[in-house]
Amino acid sequence: MCSHCGAVAEGPPPTWTCSVENGTRHFFCDDCARANIRAIEGRLDSAWW
């Protein structure tokens, strides 16, 4: 399940983006990752975007 929009993966395991924030893994779907790639690469917590 996407930690940002709540999308659910169907079928084989997706190739989503994984981010570790405060020791917890968060997975982001392709659409959310593309829309927020600069924030992800800048290591901003998802609460900021």
PDB file of N, CA and C in Angstrom:
ATOM      1  N   MET A   1       0.843  -1.175   0.000  1.00  0.00           N
ATOM      2  CA  MET A   1       0.000   0.000   0.000  1.00  0.00           C
ATOM      3  C   MET A   1       0.894   1.247   0.000  1.00  0.00           C
ATOM      4  N   CYS A   2       0.566   2.211  -0.833  1.00  0.00           N
ATOM      5  CA  CYS A   2       1.336   3.450  -0.925  1.00  0.00           C
ATOM      6  C   CYS A   2       1.124   4.276   0.345  1.00  0.00           C
ATOM      7  N   SER A   3       2.216   4.728   0.936  1.00  0.00           N
ATOM      8  CA  SER A   3       2.140   5.505   2.171  1.00  0.00           C
ATOM      9  C   SER A   3       1.628   6.919   1.946  1.00  0.00           C
ATOM     10  N   HIS A   4       1.584   7.357   0.683  1.00  0.00           N
ATOM     11  CA  HIS A   4       1.156   8.734   0.409  1.00  0.00           C
ATOM     12  C   HIS A   4      -0.299   8.802  -0.053  1.00  0.00           C
ATOM     13  N   CYS A   5      -0.651   8.014  -1.070  1.00  0.00           N
ATOM     14  CA  CYS A   5      -2.007   8.105  -1.625  1.00  0.00           C
ATOM     15  C   CYS A   5      -2.901   6.931  -1.257  1.00  0.00           C
ATOM     16  N   GLY A   6      -2.309   5.857  -0.727  1.00  0.00           N
ATOM     17  CA  GLY A   6      -3.103   4.705  -0.314  1.00  0.00           C
ATOM     18  C   GLY A   6      -3.378   3.690  -1.411  1.00  0.00           C
ATOM     19  N   ALA A   7      -2.754   3.861  -2.585  1.00  0.00           N
ATOM     20  CA  ALA A   7      -2.947   2.904  -3.678  1.00  0.00           C
ATOM     21  C   ALA A   7      -2.496   1.517  -3.231  1.00  0.00           C
ATOM     22  N   VAL A   8      -3.198   0.507  -3.710  1.00  0.00           N
ATOM     23  CA  VAL A   8      -2.890  -0.876  -3.359  1.00  0.00           C
ATOM     24  C   VAL A   8      -2.297  -1.577  -4.576  1.00  0.00           C
ATOM     25  N   ALA A   9      -1.179  -2.275  -4.368  1.00  0.00           N
ATOM     26  CA  ALA A   9      -0.538  -3.009  -5.451  1.00  0.00           C
ATOM     27  C   ALA A   9      -1.308  -4.291  -5.727  1.00  0.00           C
ATOM     28  N   GLU A  10      -1.492  -4.587  -7.006  1.00  0.00           N
ATOM     29  CA  GLU A  10      -2.161  -5.827  -7.409  1.00  0.00           C
ATOM     30  C   GLU A  10      -1.186  -6.643  -8.249  1.00  0.00           C
ATOM     31  N   GLY A  11      -1.291  -7.950  -8.157  1.00  0.00           N
ATOM     32  CA  GLY A  11      -0.447  -8.820  -8.961  1.00  0.00           C
ATOM     33  C   GLY A  11       0.909  -9.040  -8.315  1.00  0.00           C
ATOM     34  N   PRO A  12       1.957  -9.154  -9.158  1.00  0.00           N
ATOM     35  CA  PRO A  12       3.296  -9.417  -8.616  1.00  0.00           C
ATOM     36  C   PRO A  12       3.792  -8.239  -7.775  1.00  0.00           C
ATOM     37  N   PRO A  13       4.790  -8.459  -6.923  1.00  0.00           N
ATOM     38  CA  PRO A  13       5.314  -7.363  -6.101  1.00  0.00           C
ATOM     39  C   PRO A  13       5.720  -6.175  -6.970  1.00  0.00           C
ATOM     40  N   PRO A  14       5.288  -4.971  -6.602  1.00  0.00           N
ATOM     41  CA  PRO A  14       5.593  -3.785  -7.417  1.00  0.00           C
ATOM     42  C   PRO A  14       7.033  -3.325  -7.232  1.00  0.00           C
ATOM     43  N   THR A  15       7.480  -2.484  -8.131  1.00  0.00           N
ATOM     44  CA  THR A  15       8.815  -1.883  -8.030  1.00  0.00           C
ATOM     45  C   THR A  15       8.672  -0.454  -7.529  1.00  0.00           C
ATOM     46  N   TRP A  16       8.052  -0.311  -6.390  1.00  0.00           N
ATOM     47  CA  TRP A  16       7.815   1.003  -5.817  1.00  0.00           C
ATOM     48  C   TRP A  16       9.054   1.527  -5.117  1.00  0.00           C
ATOM     49  N   THR A  17       9.052   2.824  -4.826  1.00  0.00           N
ATOM     50  CA  THR A  17      10.141   3.465  -4.104  1.00  0.00           C
ATOM     51  C   THR A  17       9.981   3.210  -2.616  1.00  0.00           C
ATOM     52  N   CYS A  18      11.088   2.878  -1.965  1.00  0.00           N
ATOM     53  CA  CYS A  18      11.075   2.629  -0.525  1.00  0.00           C
ATOM     54  C   CYS A  18      11.897   3.711   0.163  1.00  0.00           C
ATOM     55  N   SER A  19      11.356   4.261   1.231  1.00  0.00           N
ATOM     56  CA  SER A  19      12.045   5.278   2.020  1.00  0.00           C
ATOM     57  C   SER A  19      11.964   4.887   3.486  1.00  0.00           C
ATOM     58  N   VAL A  20      13.059   5.076   4.232  1.00  0.00           N
ATOM     59  CA  VAL A  20      13.057   4.788   5.666  1.00  0.00           C
ATOM     60  C   VAL A  20      13.007   6.113   6.410  1.00  0.00           C
ATOM     61  N   GLU A  21      11.956   6.299   7.197  1.00  0.00           N
ATOM     62  CA  GLU A  21      11.778   7.514   7.981  1.00  0.00           C
ATOM     63  C   GLU A  21      11.595   7.130   9.438  1.00  0.00           C
ATOM     64  N   ASN A  22      12.473   7.631  10.291  1.00  0.00           N
ATOM     65  CA  ASN A  22      12.417   7.330  11.723  1.00  0.00           C
ATOM     66  C   ASN A  22      12.401   5.825  11.994  1.00  0.00           C
ATOM     67  N   GLY A  23      13.169   5.073  11.207  1.00  0.00           N
ATOM     68  CA  GLY A  23      13.280   3.636  11.398  1.00  0.00           C
ATOM     69  C   GLY A  23      12.137   2.821  10.820  1.00  0.00           C
ATOM     70  N   THR A  24      11.193   3.455  10.142  1.00  0.00           N
ATOM     71  CA  THR A  24      10.042   2.763   9.559  1.00  0.00           C
ATOM     72  C   THR A  24      10.100   2.860   8.037  1.00  0.00           C
ATOM     73  N   ARG A  25       9.876   1.724   7.376  1.00  0.00           N
ATOM     74  CA  ARG A  25       9.868   1.715   5.909  1.00  0.00           C
ATOM     75  C   ARG A  25       8.531   2.226   5.380  1.00  0.00           C
ATOM     76  N   HIS A  26       8.619   3.089   4.380  1.00  0.00           N
ATOM     77  CA  HIS A  26       7.438   3.605   3.694  1.00  0.00           C
ATOM     78  C   HIS A  26       7.615   3.307   2.210  1.00  0.00           C
ATOM     79  N   PHE A  27       6.550   2.819   1.579  1.00  0.00           N
ATOM     80  CA  PHE A  27       6.577   2.531   0.151  1.00  0.00           C
ATOM     81  C   PHE A  27       5.698   3.525  -0.573  1.00  0.00           C
ATOM     82  N   PHE A  28       6.185   4.021  -1.730  1.00  0.00           N
ATOM     83  CA  PHE A  28       5.455   5.005  -2.518  1.00  0.00           C
ATOM     84  C   PHE A  28       5.260   4.478  -3.935  1.00  0.00           C
ATOM     85  N   CYS A  29       4.036   4.590  -4.436  1.00  0.00           N
ATOM     86  CA  CYS A  29       3.722   4.118  -5.791  1.00  0.00           C
ATOM     87  C   CYS A  29       4.486   4.961  -6.816  1.00  0.00           C
ATOM     88  N   ASP A  30       4.509   4.513  -8.055  1.00  0.00           N
ATOM     89  CA  ASP A  30       5.254   5.200  -9.103  1.00  0.00           C
ATOM     90  C   ASP A  30       4.784   6.638  -9.286  1.00  0.00           C
ATOM     91  N   ASP A  31       3.463   6.875  -9.249  1.00  0.00           N
ATOM     92  CA  ASP A  31       2.938   8.224  -9.455  1.00  0.00           C
ATOM     93  C   ASP A  31       3.368   9.174  -8.342  1.00  0.00           C
ATOM     94  N   CYS A  32       3.269   8.742  -7.091  1.00  0.00           N
ATOM     95  CA  CYS A  32       3.675   9.591  -5.961  1.00  0.00           C
ATOM     96  C   CYS A  32       5.185   9.814  -5.965  1.00  0.00           C
ATOM     97  N   ALA A  33       5.945   8.784  -6.302  1.00  0.00           N
ATOM     98  CA  ALA A  33       7.397   8.920  -6.348  1.00  0.00           C
ATOM     99  C   ALA A  33       7.811   9.920  -7.424  1.00  0.00           C
ATOM    100  N   ARG A  34       7.189   9.847  -8.601  1.00  0.00           N
ATOM    101  CA  ARG A  34       7.527  10.780  -9.677  1.00  0.00           C
ATOM    102  C   ARG A  34       7.180  12.215  -9.291  1.00  0.00           C
ATOM    103  N   ALA A  35       6.036  12.397  -8.659  1.00  0.00           N
ATOM    104  CA  ALA A  35       5.584  13.741  -8.290  1.00  0.00           C
ATOM    105  C   ALA A  35       6.441  14.364  -7.196  1.00  0.00           C
ATOM    106  N   ASN A  36       7.123  13.541  -6.398  1.00  0.00           N
ATOM    107  CA  ASN A  36       7.865  14.049  -5.245  1.00  0.00           C
ATOM    108  C   ASN A  36       9.324  13.609  -5.232  1.00  0.00           C
ATOM    109  N   ILE A  37       9.892  13.335  -6.401  1.00  0.00           N
ATOM    110  CA  ILE A  37      11.232  12.773  -6.477  1.00  0.00           C
ATOM    111  C   ILE A  37      12.289  13.679  -5.852  1.00  0.00           C
ATOM    112  N   ARG A  38      12.168  14.991  -6.022  1.00  0.00           N
ATOM    113  CA  ARG A  38      13.164  15.900  -5.443  1.00  0.00           C
ATOM    114  C   ARG A  38      13.141  15.848  -3.922  1.00  0.00           C
ATOM    115  N   ALA A  39      11.969  15.785  -3.333  1.00  0.00           N
ATOM    116  CA  ALA A  39      11.849  15.700  -1.877  1.00  0.00           C
ATOM    117  C   ALA A  39      12.394  14.364  -1.377  1.00  0.00           C
ATOM    118  N   ILE A  40      12.138  13.293  -2.120  1.00  0.00           N
ATOM    119  CA  ILE A  40      12.630  11.975  -1.731  1.00  0.00           C
ATOM    120  C   ILE A  40      14.161  11.952  -1.795  1.00  0.00           C
ATOM    121  N   GLU A  41      14.722  12.459  -2.890  1.00  0.00           N
ATOM    122  CA  GLU A  41      16.172  12.479  -3.033  1.00  0.00           C
ATOM    123  C   GLU A  41      16.825  13.407  -2.011  1.00  0.00           C
ATOM    124  N   GLY A  42      16.119  14.461  -1.603  1.00  0.00           N
ATOM    125  CA  GLY A  42      16.627  15.375  -0.596  1.00  0.00           C
ATOM    126  C   GLY A  42      16.438  14.848   0.820  1.00  0.00           C
ATOM    127  N   ARG A  43      15.884  13.640   0.920  1.00  0.00           N
ATOM    128  CA  ARG A  43      15.654  12.962   2.199  1.00  0.00           C
ATOM    129  C   ARG A  43      14.727  13.730   3.135  1.00  0.00           C
ATOM    130  N   LEU A  44      13.755  14.445   2.562  1.00  0.00           N
ATOM    131  CA  LEU A  44      12.751  15.112   3.382  1.00  0.00           C
ATOM    132  C   LEU A  44      11.719  14.088   3.814  1.00  0.00           C
ATOM    133  N   ASP A  45      11.257  14.167   5.049  1.00  0.00           N
ATOM    134  CA  ASP A  45      10.196  13.273   5.504  1.00  0.00           C
ATOM    135  C   ASP A  45       8.950  13.510   4.682  1.00  0.00           C
ATOM    136  N   SER A  46       8.160  12.461   4.473  1.00  0.00           N
ATOM    137  CA  SER A  46       6.962  12.580   3.639  1.00  0.00           C
ATOM    138  C   SER A  46       5.958  13.566   4.219  1.00  0.00           C
ATOM    139  N   ALA A  47       6.052  13.889   5.507  1.00  0.00           N
ATOM    140  CA  ALA A  47       5.153  14.887   6.097  1.00  0.00           C
ATOM    141  C   ALA A  47       5.362  16.263   5.459  1.00  0.00           C
ATOM    142  N   TRP A  48       6.550  16.517   4.916  1.00  0.00           N
ATOM    143  CA  TRP A  48       6.847  17.801   4.296  1.00  0.00           C
ATOM    144  C   TRP A  48       6.270  17.934   2.898  1.00  0.00           C
ATOM    145  N   TRP A  49       5.982  16.795   2.243  1.00  0.00           N
ATOM    146  CA  TRP A  49       5.456  16.862   0.886  1.00  0.00           C
ATOM    147  C   TRP A  49       4.156  16.139   0.808  1.00  0.00           C
TER     148      TRP A  49
END
